[in-house]
Amino acid sequence: MQYPNFTWTAVSGVASYKIQISDTSSFATIVRQSTSDIARYVPSAALAVTIEALIRGEWKLVLDSPCALLELYNLKRDPQETTDFAAKEKAVVRDLTAALRHNKSSAVVRCRGRRQQNKASSWD
């Protein structure tokens, strides 16, 4: 199995780097933490995989695994996906879930690899 290889430019005088991996761009939830004394990090286990997601208008419905709770984000009000609106917007969740099940169109994103937050990263 392949894991992402995170690399960066070493900073002069720095002895170690704190690594935080999140499943959101806001880093509201840290899924893994580590330290490295070199300017490189390769996770020892798989990172989170998004199974299915649907974007319709300003709403994004996410199902991270078959047994996970659905998450709902408002991309207009909260583009960094820090607030899950699923509990407050049950009608939207119901509509998007029905759409996801009924028509798995091009709006559905299926991630077959690992989700890669760091755009400067490369796969080994």
PDB file of N, CA and C in Angstrom:
ATOM      1  N   MET A   1       0.836  -1.177   0.000  1.00  0.00           N
ATOM      2  CA  MET A   1       0.000   0.000   0.000  1.00  0.00           C
ATOM      3  C   MET A   1       0.887   1.248   0.000  1.00  0.00           C
ATOM      4  N   GLN A   2       0.500   2.250  -0.763  1.00  0.00           N
ATOM      5  CA  GLN A   2       1.266   3.475  -0.837  1.00  0.00           C
ATOM      6  C   GLN A   2       0.693   4.533   0.100  1.00  0.00           C
ATOM      7  N   TYR A   3       1.581   5.315   0.690  1.00  0.00           N
ATOM      8  CA  TYR A   3       1.179   6.411   1.549  1.00  0.00           C
ATOM      9  C   TYR A   3       1.777   7.687   0.993  1.00  0.00           C
ATOM     10  N   PRO A   4       1.144   8.835   1.255  1.00  0.00           N
ATOM     11  CA  PRO A   4       1.697  10.087   0.738  1.00  0.00           C
ATOM     12  C   PRO A   4       3.027  10.405   1.394  1.00  0.00           C
ATOM     13  N   ASN A   5       3.862  11.087   0.664  1.00  0.00           N
ATOM     14  CA  ASN A   5       5.178  11.499   1.132  1.00  0.00           C
ATOM     15  C   ASN A   5       5.153  13.016   1.231  1.00  0.00           C
ATOM     16  N   PHE A   6       5.119  13.540   2.446  1.00  0.00           N
ATOM     17  CA  PHE A   6       5.095  14.980   2.665  1.00  0.00           C
ATOM     18  C   PHE A   6       6.529  15.483   2.818  1.00  0.00           C
ATOM     19  N   THR A   7       6.900  16.441   2.012  1.00  0.00           N
ATOM     20  CA  THR A   7       8.234  17.043   2.126  1.00  0.00           C
ATOM     21  C   THR A   7       8.101  18.558   2.117  1.00  0.00           C
ATOM     22  N   TRP A   8       9.080  19.232   2.715  1.00  0.00           N
ATOM     23  CA  TRP A   8       9.094  20.684   2.758  1.00  0.00           C
ATOM     24  C   TRP A   8      10.524  21.154   2.865  1.00  0.00           C
ATOM     25  N   THR A   9      10.728  22.435   2.666  1.00  0.00           N
ATOM     26  CA  THR A   9      12.069  23.016   2.758  1.00  0.00           C
ATOM     27  C   THR A   9      12.456  23.141   4.223  1.00  0.00           C
ATOM     28  N   ALA A  10      13.621  22.615   4.561  1.00  0.00           N
ATOM     29  CA  ALA A  10      14.105  22.684   5.939  1.00  0.00           C
ATOM     30  C   ALA A  10      14.324  24.138   6.344  1.00  0.00           C
ATOM     31  N   VAL A  11      14.019  24.428   7.608  1.00  0.00           N
ATOM     32  CA  VAL A  11      14.207  25.765   8.159  1.00  0.00           C
ATOM     33  C   VAL A  11      15.482  25.764   8.989  1.00  0.00           C
ATOM     34  N   SER A  12      16.379  26.673   8.679  1.00  0.00           N
ATOM     35  CA  SER A  12      17.661  26.758   9.377  1.00  0.00           C
ATOM     36  C   SER A  12      17.452  26.954  10.877  1.00  0.00           C
ATOM     37  N   GLY A  13      18.145  26.151  11.674  1.00  0.00           N
ATOM     38  CA  GLY A  13      18.079  26.272  13.120  1.00  0.00           C
ATOM     39  C   GLY A  13      16.949  25.496  13.781  1.00  0.00           C
ATOM     40  N   VAL A  14      16.081  24.874  13.006  1.00  0.00           N
ATOM     41  CA  VAL A  14      14.957  24.115  13.571  1.00  0.00           C
ATOM     42  C   VAL A  14      15.393  22.668  13.786  1.00  0.00           C
ATOM     43  N   ALA A  15      15.192  22.178  15.020  1.00  0.00           N
ATOM     44  CA  ALA A  15      15.621  20.820  15.358  1.00  0.00           C
ATOM     45  C   ALA A  15      14.566  19.772  15.041  1.00  0.00           C
ATOM     46  N   SER A  16      13.282  20.136  15.116  1.00  0.00           N
ATOM     47  CA  SER A  16      12.214  19.182  14.806  1.00  0.00           C
ATOM     48  C   SER A  16      10.971  19.930  14.339  1.00  0.00           C
ATOM     49  N   TYR A  17      10.093  19.189  13.671  1.00  0.00           N
ATOM     50  CA  TYR A  17       8.866  19.745  13.124  1.00  0.00           C
ATOM     51  C   TYR A  17       7.676  19.007  13.729  1.00  0.00           C
ATOM     52  N   LYS A  18       6.645  19.758  14.081  1.00  0.00           N
ATOM     53  CA  LYS A  18       5.410  19.157  14.564  1.00  0.00           C
ATOM     54  C   LYS A  18       4.506  18.940  13.351  1.00  0.00           C
ATOM     55  N   ILE A  19       4.043  17.717  13.167  1.00  0.00           N
ATOM     56  CA  ILE A  19       3.196  17.372  12.026  1.00  0.00           C
ATOM     57  C   ILE A  19       1.785  17.126  12.543  1.00  0.00           C
ATOM     58  N   GLN A  20       0.821  17.784  11.918  1.00  0.00           N
ATOM     59  CA  GLN A  20      -0.579  17.568  12.243  1.00  0.00           C
ATOM     60  C   GLN A  20      -1.311  17.266  10.942  1.00  0.00           C
ATOM     61  N   ILE A  21      -2.098  16.192  10.940  1.00  0.00           N
ATOM     62  CA  ILE A  21      -2.881  15.817   9.770  1.00  0.00           C
ATOM     63  C   ILE A  21      -4.347  15.939  10.162  1.00  0.00           C
ATOM     64  N   SER A  22      -5.094  16.643   9.303  1.00  0.00           N
ATOM     65  CA  SER A  22      -6.509  16.876   9.559  1.00  0.00           C
ATOM     66  C   SER A  22      -7.322  16.409   8.370  1.00  0.00           C
ATOM     67  N   ASP A  23      -8.597  16.143   8.617  1.00  0.00           N
ATOM     68  CA  ASP A  23      -9.486  15.789   7.517  1.00  0.00           C
ATOM     69  C   ASP A  23     -10.270  16.997   7.013  1.00  0.00           C
ATOM     70  N   THR A  24      -9.942  18.185   7.517  1.00  0.00           N
ATOM     71  CA  THR A  24     -10.537  19.421   7.021  1.00  0.00           C
ATOM     72  C   THR A  24      -9.447  20.454   6.804  1.00  0.00           C
ATOM     73  N   SER A  25      -9.677  21.378   5.900  1.00  0.00           N
ATOM     74  CA  SER A  25      -8.669  22.402   5.623  1.00  0.00           C
ATOM     75  C   SER A  25      -8.501  23.373   6.778  1.00  0.00           C
ATOM     76  N   SER A  26      -9.462  23.464   7.682  1.00  0.00           N
ATOM     77  CA  SER A  26      -9.363  24.371   8.828  1.00  0.00           C
ATOM     78  C   SER A  26      -8.555  23.769   9.980  1.00  0.00           C
ATOM     79  N   PHE A  27      -8.253  22.493   9.905  1.00  0.00           N
ATOM     80  CA  PHE A  27      -7.564  21.755  10.973  1.00  0.00           C
ATOM     81  C   PHE A  27      -8.359  21.782  12.275  1.00  0.00           C
ATOM     82  N   ALA A  28      -9.689  21.839  12.166  1.00  0.00           N
ATOM     83  CA  ALA A  28     -10.545  21.799  13.349  1.00  0.00           C
ATOM     84  C   ALA A  28     -10.458  20.444  14.038  1.00  0.00           C
ATOM     85  N   THR A  29     -10.231  19.399  13.275  1.00  0.00           N
ATOM     86  CA  THR A  29     -10.097  18.047  13.807  1.00  0.00           C
ATOM     87  C   THR A  29      -8.746  17.491  13.378  1.00  0.00           C
ATOM     88  N   ILE A  30      -7.911  17.168  14.339  1.00  0.00           N
ATOM     89  CA  ILE A  30      -6.605  16.575  14.050  1.00  0.00           C
ATOM     90  C   ILE A  30      -6.766  15.058  14.105  1.00  0.00           C
ATOM     91  N   VAL A  31      -6.468  14.381  12.996  1.00  0.00           N
ATOM     92  CA  VAL A  31      -6.612  12.925  12.964  1.00  0.00           C
ATOM     93  C   VAL A  31      -5.303  12.206  13.268  1.00  0.00           C
ATOM     94  N   ARG A  32      -4.208  12.910  13.140  1.00  0.00           N
ATOM     95  CA  ARG A  32      -2.912  12.307  13.441  1.00  0.00           C
ATOM     96  C   ARG A  32      -1.905  13.399  13.766  1.00  0.00           C
ATOM     97  N   GLN A  33      -1.056  13.152  14.768  1.00  0.00           N
ATOM     98  CA  GLN A  33       0.020  14.072  15.128  1.00  0.00           C
ATOM     99  C   GLN A  33       1.319  13.296  15.226  1.00  0.00           C
ATOM    100  N   SER A  34       2.388  13.968  14.889  1.00  0.00           N
ATOM    101  CA  SER A  34       3.697  13.339  14.966  1.00  0.00           C
ATOM    102  C   SER A  34       4.754  14.431  14.992  1.00  0.00           C
ATOM    103  N   THR A  35       5.989  14.033  15.168  1.00  0.00           N
ATOM    104  CA  THR A  35       7.115  14.951  15.037  1.00  0.00           C
ATOM    105  C   THR A  35       8.146  14.312  14.117  1.00  0.00           C
ATOM    106  N   SER A  36       8.938  15.161  13.486  1.00  0.00           N
ATOM    107  CA  SER A  36       9.986  14.688  12.597  1.00  0.00           C
ATOM    108  C   SER A  36      11.207  15.568  12.780  1.00  0.00           C
ATOM    109  N   ASP A  37      12.374  14.961  12.793  1.00  0.00           N
ATOM    110  CA  ASP A  37      13.596  15.759  12.898  1.00  0.00           C
ATOM    111  C   ASP A  37      14.213  16.029  11.527  1.00  0.00           C
ATOM    112  N   ILE A  38      13.519  15.596  10.470  1.00  0.00           N
ATOM    113  CA  ILE A  38      13.928  15.906   9.103  1.00  0.00           C
ATOM    114  C   ILE A  38      12.735  16.537   8.376  1.00  0.00           C
ATOM    115  N   ALA A  39      12.963  17.122   7.218  1.00  0.00           N
ATOM    116  CA  ALA A  39      11.909  17.808   6.465  1.00  0.00           C
ATOM    117  C   ALA A  39      11.155  16.835   5.567  1.00  0.00           C
ATOM    118  N   ARG A  40      10.683  15.750   6.172  1.00  0.00           N
ATOM    119  CA  ARG A  40       9.940  14.738   5.437  1.00  0.00           C
ATOM    120  C   ARG A  40       9.099  13.936   6.410  1.00  0.00           C
ATOM    121  N   TYR A  41       7.907  13.529   5.956  1.00  0.00           N
ATOM    122  CA  TYR A  41       7.042  12.699   6.782  1.00  0.00           C
ATOM    123  C   TYR A  41       6.269  11.749   5.884  1.00  0.00           C
ATOM    124  N   VAL A  42       6.279  10.468   6.225  1.00  0.00           N
ATOM    125  CA  VAL A  42       5.489   9.454   5.529  1.00  0.00           C
ATOM    126  C   VAL A  42       4.674   8.743   6.603  1.00  0.00           C
ATOM    127  N   PRO A  43       3.338   8.847   6.544  1.00  0.00           N
ATOM    128  CA  PRO A  43       2.518   8.179   7.564  1.00  0.00           C
ATOM    129  C   PRO A  43       2.758   6.671   7.571  1.00  0.00           C
ATOM    130  N   SER A  44       2.665   6.075   8.746  1.00  0.00           N
ATOM    131  CA  SER A  44       2.855   4.631   8.869  1.00  0.00           C
ATOM    132  C   SER A  44       1.553   3.864   8.701  1.00  0.00           C
ATOM    133  N   ALA A  45       0.444   4.592   8.575  1.00  0.00           N
ATOM    134  CA  ALA A  45      -0.861   3.959   8.366  1.00  0.00           C
ATOM    135  C   ALA A  45      -1.673   4.806   7.388  1.00  0.00           C
ATOM    136  N   ALA A  46      -2.700   4.210   6.843  1.00  0.00           N
ATOM    137  CA  ALA A  46      -3.525   4.899   5.845  1.00  0.00           C
ATOM    138  C   ALA A  46      -4.198   6.135   6.428  1.00  0.00           C
ATOM    139  N   LEU A  47      -4.326   7.158   5.593  1.00  0.00           N
ATOM    140  CA  LEU A  47      -5.057   8.354   5.970  1.00  0.00           C
ATOM    141  C   LEU A  47      -6.535   8.157   5.642  1.00  0.00           C
ATOM    142  N   ALA A  48      -7.385   9.053   6.121  1.00  0.00           N
ATOM    143  CA  ALA A  48      -8.831   8.943   5.909  1.00  0.00           C
ATOM    144  C   ALA A  48      -9.185   8.965   4.421  1.00  0.00           C
ATOM    145  N   VAL A  49     -10.218   8.237   4.084  1.00  0.00           N
ATOM    146  CA  VAL A  49     -10.704   8.180   2.707  1.00  0.00           C
ATOM    147  C   VAL A  49     -12.168   8.619   2.705  1.00  0.00           C
ATOM    148  N   THR A  50     -12.511   9.545   1.841  1.00  0.00           N
ATOM    149  CA  THR A  50     -13.907   9.913   1.685  1.00  0.00           C
ATOM    150  C   THR A  50     -14.557   8.899   0.755  1.00  0.00           C
ATOM    151  N   ILE A  51     -15.594   8.268   1.207  1.00  0.00           N
ATOM    152  CA  ILE A  51     -16.298   7.288   0.396  1.00  0.00           C
ATOM    153  C   ILE A  51     -17.170   7.998  -0.636  1.00  0.00           C
ATOM    154  N   GLU A  52     -18.044   8.902  -0.176  1.00  0.00           N
ATOM    155  CA  GLU A  52     -18.933   9.603  -1.089  1.00  0.00           C
ATOM    156  C   GLU A  52     -19.159  11.032  -0.617  1.00  0.00           C
ATOM    157  N   ALA A  53     -19.359  11.923  -1.579  1.00  0.00           N
ATOM    158  CA  ALA A  53     -19.705  13.309  -1.277  1.00  0.00           C
ATOM    159  C   ALA A  53     -20.579  13.837  -2.405  1.00  0.00           C
ATOM    160  N   LEU A  54     -21.478  14.740  -2.069  1.00  0.00           N
ATOM    161  CA  LEU A  54     -22.357  15.353  -3.055  1.00  0.00           C
ATOM    162  C   LEU A  54     -22.420  16.844  -2.775  1.00  0.00           C
ATOM    163  N   ILE A  55     -22.179  17.642  -3.798  1.00  0.00           N
ATOM    164  CA  ILE A  55     -22.293  19.097  -3.676  1.00  0.00           C
ATOM    165  C   ILE A  55     -23.463  19.535  -4.540  1.00  0.00           C
ATOM    166  N   ARG A  56     -24.362  20.264  -3.915  1.00  0.00           N
ATOM    167  CA  ARG A  56     -25.496  20.827  -4.644  1.00  0.00           C
ATOM    168  C   ARG A  56     -25.718  22.239  -4.101  1.00  0.00           C
ATOM    169  N   GLY A  57     -25.515  23.222  -4.995  1.00  0.00           N
ATOM    170  CA  GLY A  57     -25.641  24.610  -4.561  1.00  0.00           C
ATOM    171  C   GLY A  57     -24.582  24.924  -3.527  1.00  0.00           C
ATOM    172  N   GLU A  58     -25.011  25.466  -2.397  1.00  0.00           N
ATOM    173  CA  GLU A  58     -24.060  25.822  -1.339  1.00  0.00           C
ATOM    174  C   GLU A  58     -23.811  24.696  -0.357  1.00  0.00           C
ATOM    175  N   TRP A  59     -24.482  23.549  -0.529  1.00  0.00           N
ATOM    176  CA  TRP A  59     -24.390  22.451   0.422  1.00  0.00           C
ATOM    177  C   TRP A  59     -23.478  21.327  -0.066  1.00  0.00           C
ATOM    178  N   LYS A  60     -22.759  20.739   0.883  1.00  0.00           N
ATOM    179  CA  LYS A  60     -21.912  19.573   0.615  1.00  0.00           C
ATOM    180  C   LYS A  60     -22.242  18.508   1.653  1.00  0.00           C
ATOM    181  N   LEU A  61     -22.679  17.342   1.180  1.00  0.00           N
ATOM    182  CA  LEU A  61     -22.981  16.199   2.036  1.00  0.00           C
ATOM    183  C   LEU A  61     -21.818  15.226   1.938  1.00  0.00           C
ATOM    184  N   VAL A  62     -21.305  14.756   3.082  1.00  0.00           N
ATOM    185  CA  VAL A  62     -20.136  13.877   3.109  1.00  0.00           C
ATOM    186  C   VAL A  62     -20.454  12.632   3.922  1.00  0.00           C
ATOM    187  N   LEU A  63     -20.063  11.480   3.375  1.00  0.00           N
ATOM    188  CA  LEU A  63     -20.135  10.205   4.078  1.00  0.00           C
ATOM    189  C   LEU A  63     -18.721   9.629   4.053  1.00  0.00           C
ATOM    190  N   ASP A  64     -18.021   9.663   5.202  1.00  0.00           N
ATOM    191  CA  ASP A  64     -16.617   9.252   5.248  1.00  0.00           C
ATOM    192  C   ASP A  64     -16.405   7.746   5.280  1.00  0.00           C
ATOM    193  N   SER A  65     -17.376   7.013   5.746  1.00  0.00           N
ATOM    194  CA  SER A  65     -17.285   5.558   5.728  1.00  0.00           C
ATOM    195  C   SER A  65     -18.707   5.015   5.787  1.00  0.00           C
ATOM    196  N   PRO A  66     -18.905   3.772   5.418  1.00  0.00           N
ATOM    197  CA  PRO A  66     -20.272   3.232   5.390  1.00  0.00           C
ATOM    198  C   PRO A  66     -21.010   3.326   6.721  1.00  0.00           C
ATOM    199  N   CYS A  67     -20.304   3.322   7.837  1.00  0.00           N
ATOM    200  CA  CYS A  67     -20.949   3.359   9.154  1.00  0.00           C
ATOM    201  C   CYS A  67     -20.899   4.736   9.809  1.00  0.00           C
ATOM    202  N   ALA A  68     -20.316   5.721   9.142  1.00  0.00           N
ATOM    203  CA  ALA A  68     -20.174   7.056   9.728  1.00  0.00           C
ATOM    204  C   ALA A  68     -21.477   7.836   9.633  1.00  0.00           C
ATOM    205  N   LEU A  69     -21.610   8.830  10.505  1.00  0.00           N
ATOM    206  CA  LEU A  69     -22.733   9.750  10.415  1.00  0.00           C
ATOM    207  C   LEU A  69     -22.516  10.667   9.219  1.00  0.00           C
ATOM    208  N   LEU A  70     -23.600  11.072   8.590  1.00  0.00           N
ATOM    209  CA  LEU A  70     -23.507  12.022   7.487  1.00  0.00           C
ATOM    210  C   LEU A  70     -23.091  13.386   8.031  1.00  0.00           C
ATOM    211  N   GLU A  71     -22.257  14.082   7.262  1.00  0.00           N
ATOM    212  CA  GLU A  71     -21.848  15.435   7.613  1.00  0.00           C
ATOM    213  C   GLU A  71     -22.366  16.368   6.534  1.00  0.00           C
ATOM    214  N   LEU A  72     -22.800  17.569   6.941  1.00  0.00           N
ATOM    215  CA  LEU A  72     -23.331  18.549   6.007  1.00  0.00           C
ATOM    216  C   LEU A  72     -22.623  19.878   6.226  1.00  0.00           C
ATOM    217  N   TYR A  73     -22.063  20.424   5.158  1.00  0.00           N
ATOM    218  CA  TYR A  73     -21.350  21.699   5.235  1.00  0.00           C
ATOM    219  C   TYR A  73     -21.974  22.701   4.285  1.00  0.00           C
ATOM    220  N   ASN A  74     -22.010  23.966   4.714  1.00  0.00           N
ATOM    221  CA  ASN A  74     -22.475  25.045   3.862  1.00  0.00           C
ATOM    222  C   ASN A  74     -21.241  25.735   3.305  1.00  0.00           C
ATOM    223  N   LEU A  75     -20.953  25.492   2.039  1.00  0.00           N
ATOM    224  CA  LEU A  75     -19.716  25.983   1.428  1.00  0.00           C
ATOM    225  C   LEU A  75     -19.710  27.493   1.243  1.00  0.00           C
ATOM    226  N   LYS A  76     -20.880  28.108   1.195  1.00  0.00           N
ATOM    227  CA  LYS A  76     -20.950  29.563   1.050  1.00  0.00           C
ATOM    228  C   LYS A  76     -20.645  30.252   2.383  1.00  0.00           C
ATOM    229  N   ARG A  77     -21.278  29.800   3.451  1.00  0.00           N
ATOM    230  CA  ARG A  77     -21.089  30.411   4.772  1.00  0.00           C
ATOM    231  C   ARG A  77     -19.839  29.900   5.489  1.00  0.00           C
ATOM    232  N   ASP A  78     -19.412  28.690   5.152  1.00  0.00           N
ATOM    233  CA  ASP A  78     -18.318  28.029   5.866  1.00  0.00           C
ATOM    234  C   ASP A  78     -17.444  27.268   4.871  1.00  0.00           C
ATOM    235  N   PRO A  79     -16.702  27.993   4.005  1.00  0.00           N
ATOM    236  CA  PRO A  79     -15.940  27.325   2.945  1.00  0.00           C
ATOM    237  C   PRO A  79     -14.840  26.388   3.449  1.00  0.00           C
ATOM    238  N   GLN A  80     -14.432  26.533   4.698  1.00  0.00           N
ATOM    239  CA  GLN A  80     -13.374  25.666   5.225  1.00  0.00           C
ATOM    240  C   GLN A  80     -13.928  24.432   5.941  1.00  0.00           C
ATOM    241  N   GLU A  81     -15.241  24.270   5.887  1.00  0.00           N
ATOM    242  CA  GLU A  81     -15.904  23.075   6.415  1.00  0.00           C
ATOM    243  C   GLU A  81     -15.589  22.816   7.878  1.00  0.00           C
ATOM    244  N   THR A  82     -15.778  23.839   8.708  1.00  0.00           N
ATOM    245  CA  THR A  82     -15.513  23.698  10.140  1.00  0.00           C
ATOM    246  C   THR A  82     -16.768  23.389  10.941  1.00  0.00           C
ATOM    247  N   THR A  83     -17.948  23.678  10.360  1.00  0.00           N
ATOM    248  CA  THR A  83     -19.204  23.493  11.083  1.00  0.00           C
ATOM    249  C   THR A  83     -20.086  22.491  10.356  1.00  0.00           C
ATOM    250  N   ASP A  84     -20.425  21.419  11.043  1.00  0.00           N
ATOM    251  CA  ASP A  84     -21.317  20.394  10.502  1.00  0.00           C
ATOM    252  C   ASP A  84     -22.756  20.827  10.781  1.00  0.00           C
ATOM    253  N   PHE A  85     -23.537  21.055   9.725  1.00  0.00           N
ATOM    254  CA  PHE A  85     -24.914  21.518   9.840  1.00  0.00           C
ATOM    255  C   PHE A  85     -25.934  20.374   9.816  1.00  0.00           C
ATOM    256  N   ALA A  86     -25.499  19.146   9.839  1.00  0.00           N
ATOM    257  CA  ALA A  86     -26.407  18.010   9.677  1.00  0.00           C
ATOM    258  C   ALA A  86     -27.534  17.997  10.708  1.00  0.00           C
ATOM    259  N   ALA A  87     -27.240  18.301  11.949  1.00  0.00           N
ATOM    260  CA  ALA A  87     -28.266  18.272  12.996  1.00  0.00           C
ATOM    261  C   ALA A  87     -29.277  19.403  12.832  1.00  0.00           C
ATOM    262  N   LYS A  88     -28.841  20.544  12.322  1.00  0.00           N
ATOM    263  CA  LYS A  88     -29.721  21.715  12.182  1.00  0.00           C
ATOM    264  C   LYS A  88     -30.507  21.717  10.878  1.00  0.00           C
ATOM    265  N   GLU A  89     -29.970  21.098   9.842  1.00  0.00           N
ATOM    266  CA  GLU A  89     -30.574  21.144   8.503  1.00  0.00           C
ATOM    267  C   GLU A  89     -30.986  19.749   8.046  1.00  0.00           C
ATOM    268  N   LYS A  90     -31.861  19.125   8.815  1.00  0.00           N
ATOM    269  CA  LYS A  90     -32.261  17.736   8.545  1.00  0.00           C
ATOM    270  C   LYS A  90     -32.952  17.580   7.194  1.00  0.00           C
ATOM    271  N   ALA A  91     -33.714  18.581   6.771  1.00  0.00           N
ATOM    272  CA  ALA A  91     -34.395  18.500   5.471  1.00  0.00           C
ATOM    273  C   ALA A  91     -33.378  18.498   4.332  1.00  0.00           C
ATOM    274  N   VAL A  92     -32.329  19.302   4.469  1.00  0.00           N
ATOM    275  CA  VAL A  92     -31.281  19.339   3.445  1.00  0.00           C
ATOM    276  C   VAL A  92     -30.558  17.997   3.399  1.00  0.00           C
ATOM    277  N   VAL A  93     -30.242  17.432   4.574  1.00  0.00           N
ATOM    278  CA  VAL A  93     -29.588  16.123   4.639  1.00  0.00           C
ATOM    279  C   VAL A  93     -30.473  15.070   3.976  1.00  0.00           C
ATOM    280  N   ARG A  94     -31.759  15.096   4.265  1.00  0.00           N
ATOM    281  CA  ARG A  94     -32.695  14.124   3.687  1.00  0.00           C
ATOM    282  C   ARG A  94     -32.727  14.246   2.155  1.00  0.00           C
ATOM    283  N   ASP A  95     -32.817  15.485   1.648  1.00  0.00           N
ATOM    284  CA  ASP A  95     -32.869  15.701   0.201  1.00  0.00           C
ATOM    285  C   ASP A  95     -31.574  15.278  -0.482  1.00  0.00           C
ATOM    286  N   LEU A  96     -30.437  15.660   0.082  1.00  0.00           N
ATOM    287  CA  LEU A  96     -29.153  15.326  -0.542  1.00  0.00           C
ATOM    288  C   LEU A  96     -28.857  13.832  -0.448  1.00  0.00           C
ATOM    289  N   THR A  97     -29.270  13.208   0.650  1.00  0.00           N
ATOM    290  CA  THR A  97     -29.084  11.764   0.780  1.00  0.00           C
ATOM    291  C   THR A  97     -29.899  11.028  -0.275  1.00  0.00           C
ATOM    292  N   ALA A  98     -31.128  11.470  -0.479  1.00  0.00           N
ATOM    293  CA  ALA A  98     -31.969  10.862  -1.517  1.00  0.00           C
ATOM    294  C   ALA A  98     -31.342  11.054  -2.897  1.00  0.00           C
ATOM    295  N   ALA A  99     -30.820  12.253  -3.148  1.00  0.00           N
ATOM    296  CA  ALA A  99     -30.174  12.523  -4.435  1.00  0.00           C
ATOM    297  C   ALA A  99     -28.927  11.664  -4.615  1.00  0.00           C
ATOM    298  N   LEU A 100     -28.183  11.501  -3.547  1.00  0.00           N
ATOM    299  CA  LEU A 100     -26.961  10.693  -3.602  1.00  0.00           C
ATOM    300  C   LEU A 100     -27.300   9.243  -3.917  1.00  0.00           C
ATOM    301  N   ARG A 101     -28.315   8.733  -3.286  1.00  0.00           N
ATOM    302  CA  ARG A 101     -28.715   7.335  -3.520  1.00  0.00           C
ATOM    303  C   ARG A 101     -29.368   7.145  -4.882  1.00  0.00           C
ATOM    304  N   HIS A 102     -30.165   8.124  -5.289  1.00  0.00           N
ATOM    305  CA  HIS A 102     -30.936   7.997  -6.530  1.00  0.00           C
ATOM    306  C   HIS A 102     -30.095   8.180  -7.783  1.00  0.00           C
ATOM    307  N   ASN A 103     -29.250   9.181  -7.771  1.00  0.00           N
ATOM    308  CA  ASN A 103     -28.520   9.513  -8.988  1.00  0.00           C
ATOM    309  C   ASN A 103     -27.058   9.792  -8.660  1.00  0.00           C
ATOM    310  N   LYS A 104     -26.245   8.791  -8.736  1.00  0.00           N
ATOM    311  CA  LYS A 104     -24.822   8.973  -8.480  1.00  0.00           C
ATOM    312  C   LYS A 104     -24.187   9.526  -9.747  1.00  0.00           C
ATOM    313  N   SER A 105     -24.414  10.822  -9.937  1.00  0.00           N
ATOM    314  CA  SER A 105     -23.984  11.504 -11.164  1.00  0.00           C
ATOM    315  C   SER A 105     -22.562  12.023 -11.030  1.00  0.00           C
ATOM    316  N   SER A 106     -22.175  12.904 -11.933  1.00  0.00           N
ATOM    317  CA  SER A 106     -20.823  13.456 -11.918  1.00  0.00           C
ATOM    318  C   SER A 106     -20.566  14.322 -10.694  1.00  0.00           C
ATOM    319  N   ALA A 107     -21.635  14.715  -9.978  1.00  0.00           N
ATOM    320  CA  ALA A 107     -21.451  15.509  -8.762  1.00  0.00           C
ATOM    321  C   ALA A 107     -20.914  14.663  -7.608  1.00  0.00           C
ATOM    322  N   VAL A 108     -21.024  13.345  -7.742  1.00  0.00           N
ATOM    323  CA  VAL A 108     -20.530  12.451  -6.700  1.00  0.00           C
ATOM    324  C   VAL A 108     -19.044  12.216  -6.902  1.00  0.00           C
ATOM    325  N   VAL A 109     -18.301  12.411  -5.862  1.00  0.00           N
ATOM    326  CA  VAL A 109     -16.853  12.208  -5.927  1.00  0.00           C
ATOM    327  C   VAL A 109     -16.522  10.906  -5.229  1.00  0.00           C
ATOM    328  N   ARG A 110     -15.872  10.011  -5.922  1.00  0.00           N
ATOM    329  CA  ARG A 110     -15.417   8.762  -5.312  1.00  0.00           C
ATOM    330  C   ARG A 110     -13.898   8.804  -5.234  1.00  0.00           C
ATOM    331  N   CYS A 111     -13.391   8.737  -4.033  1.00  0.00           N
ATOM    332  CA  CYS A 111     -11.943   8.781  -3.837  1.00  0.00           C
ATOM    333  C   CYS A 111     -11.443   7.361  -3.696  1.00  0.00           C
ATOM    334  N   ARG A 112     -10.666   6.922  -4.637  1.00  0.00           N
ATOM    335  CA  ARG A 112     -10.139   5.559  -4.589  1.00  0.00           C
ATOM    336  C   ARG A 112      -8.793   5.514  -3.870  1.00  0.00           C
ATOM    337  N   GLY A 113      -8.071   6.631  -3.820  1.00  0.00           N
ATOM    338  CA  GLY A 113      -6.801   6.704  -3.122  1.00  0.00           C
ATOM    339  C   GLY A 113      -6.983   7.352  -1.769  1.00  0.00           C
ATOM    340  N   ARG A 114      -5.943   7.818  -1.224  1.00  0.00           N
ATOM    341  CA  ARG A 114      -5.994   8.507   0.056  1.00  0.00           C
ATOM    342  C   ARG A 114      -6.185   9.996  -0.187  1.00  0.00           C
ATOM    343  N   ARG A 115      -6.943  10.634   0.691  1.00  0.00           N
ATOM    344  CA  ARG A 115      -7.154  12.058   0.576  1.00  0.00           C
ATOM    345  C   ARG A 115      -5.854  12.776   0.929  1.00  0.00           C
ATOM    346  N   GLN A 116      -5.470  13.719   0.110  1.00  0.00           N
ATOM    347  CA  GLN A 116      -4.193  14.401   0.279  1.00  0.00           C
ATOM    348  C   GLN A 116      -4.454  15.873   0.525  1.00  0.00           C
ATOM    349  N   GLN A 117      -4.285  16.332   1.769  1.00  0.00           N
ATOM    350  CA  GLN A 117      -4.547  17.716   2.121  1.00  0.00           C
ATOM    351  C   GLN A 117      -3.430  18.649   1.647  1.00  0.00           C
ATOM    352  N   ASN A 118      -2.202  18.194   1.725  1.00  0.00           N
ATOM    353  CA  ASN A 118      -1.076  19.056   1.395  1.00  0.00           C
ATOM    354  C   ASN A 118      -0.830  18.997  -0.106  1.00  0.00           C
ATOM    355  N   LYS A 119      -1.127  20.099  -0.800  1.00  0.00           N
ATOM    356  CA  LYS A 119      -1.024  20.113  -2.255  1.00  0.00           C
ATOM    357  C   LYS A 119       0.425  19.998  -2.739  1.00  0.00           C
ATOM    358  N   ALA A 120       1.386  20.266  -1.880  1.00  0.00           N
ATOM    359  CA  ALA A 120       2.797  20.164  -2.274  1.00  0.00           C
ATOM    360  C   ALA A 120       3.320  18.744  -2.127  1.00  0.00           C
ATOM    361  N   SER A 121       2.478  17.871  -1.630  1.00  0.00           N
ATOM    362  CA  SER A 121       2.912  16.489  -1.391  1.00  0.00           C
ATOM    363  C   SER A 121       2.941  15.702  -2.686  1.00  0.00           C
ATOM    364  N   SER A 122       3.618  14.587  -2.605  1.00  0.00           N
ATOM    365  CA  SER A 122       3.639  13.662  -3.741  1.00  0.00           C
ATOM    366  C   SER A 122       3.428  12.258  -3.222  1.00  0.00           C
ATOM    367  N   TRP A 123       3.030  11.377  -4.082  1.00  0.00           N
ATOM    368  CA  TRP A 123       2.842   9.975  -3.695  1.00  0.00           C
ATOM    369  C   TRP A 123       4.112   9.192  -4.014  1.00  0.00           C
ATOM    370  N   ASP A 124       4.547   8.373  -3.079  1.00  0.00           N
ATOM    371  CA  ASP A 124       5.710   7.503  -3.315  1.00  0.00           C
ATOM    372  C   ASP A 124       5.322   6.334  -4.164  1.00  0.00           C
TER     373      ASP A 124
END
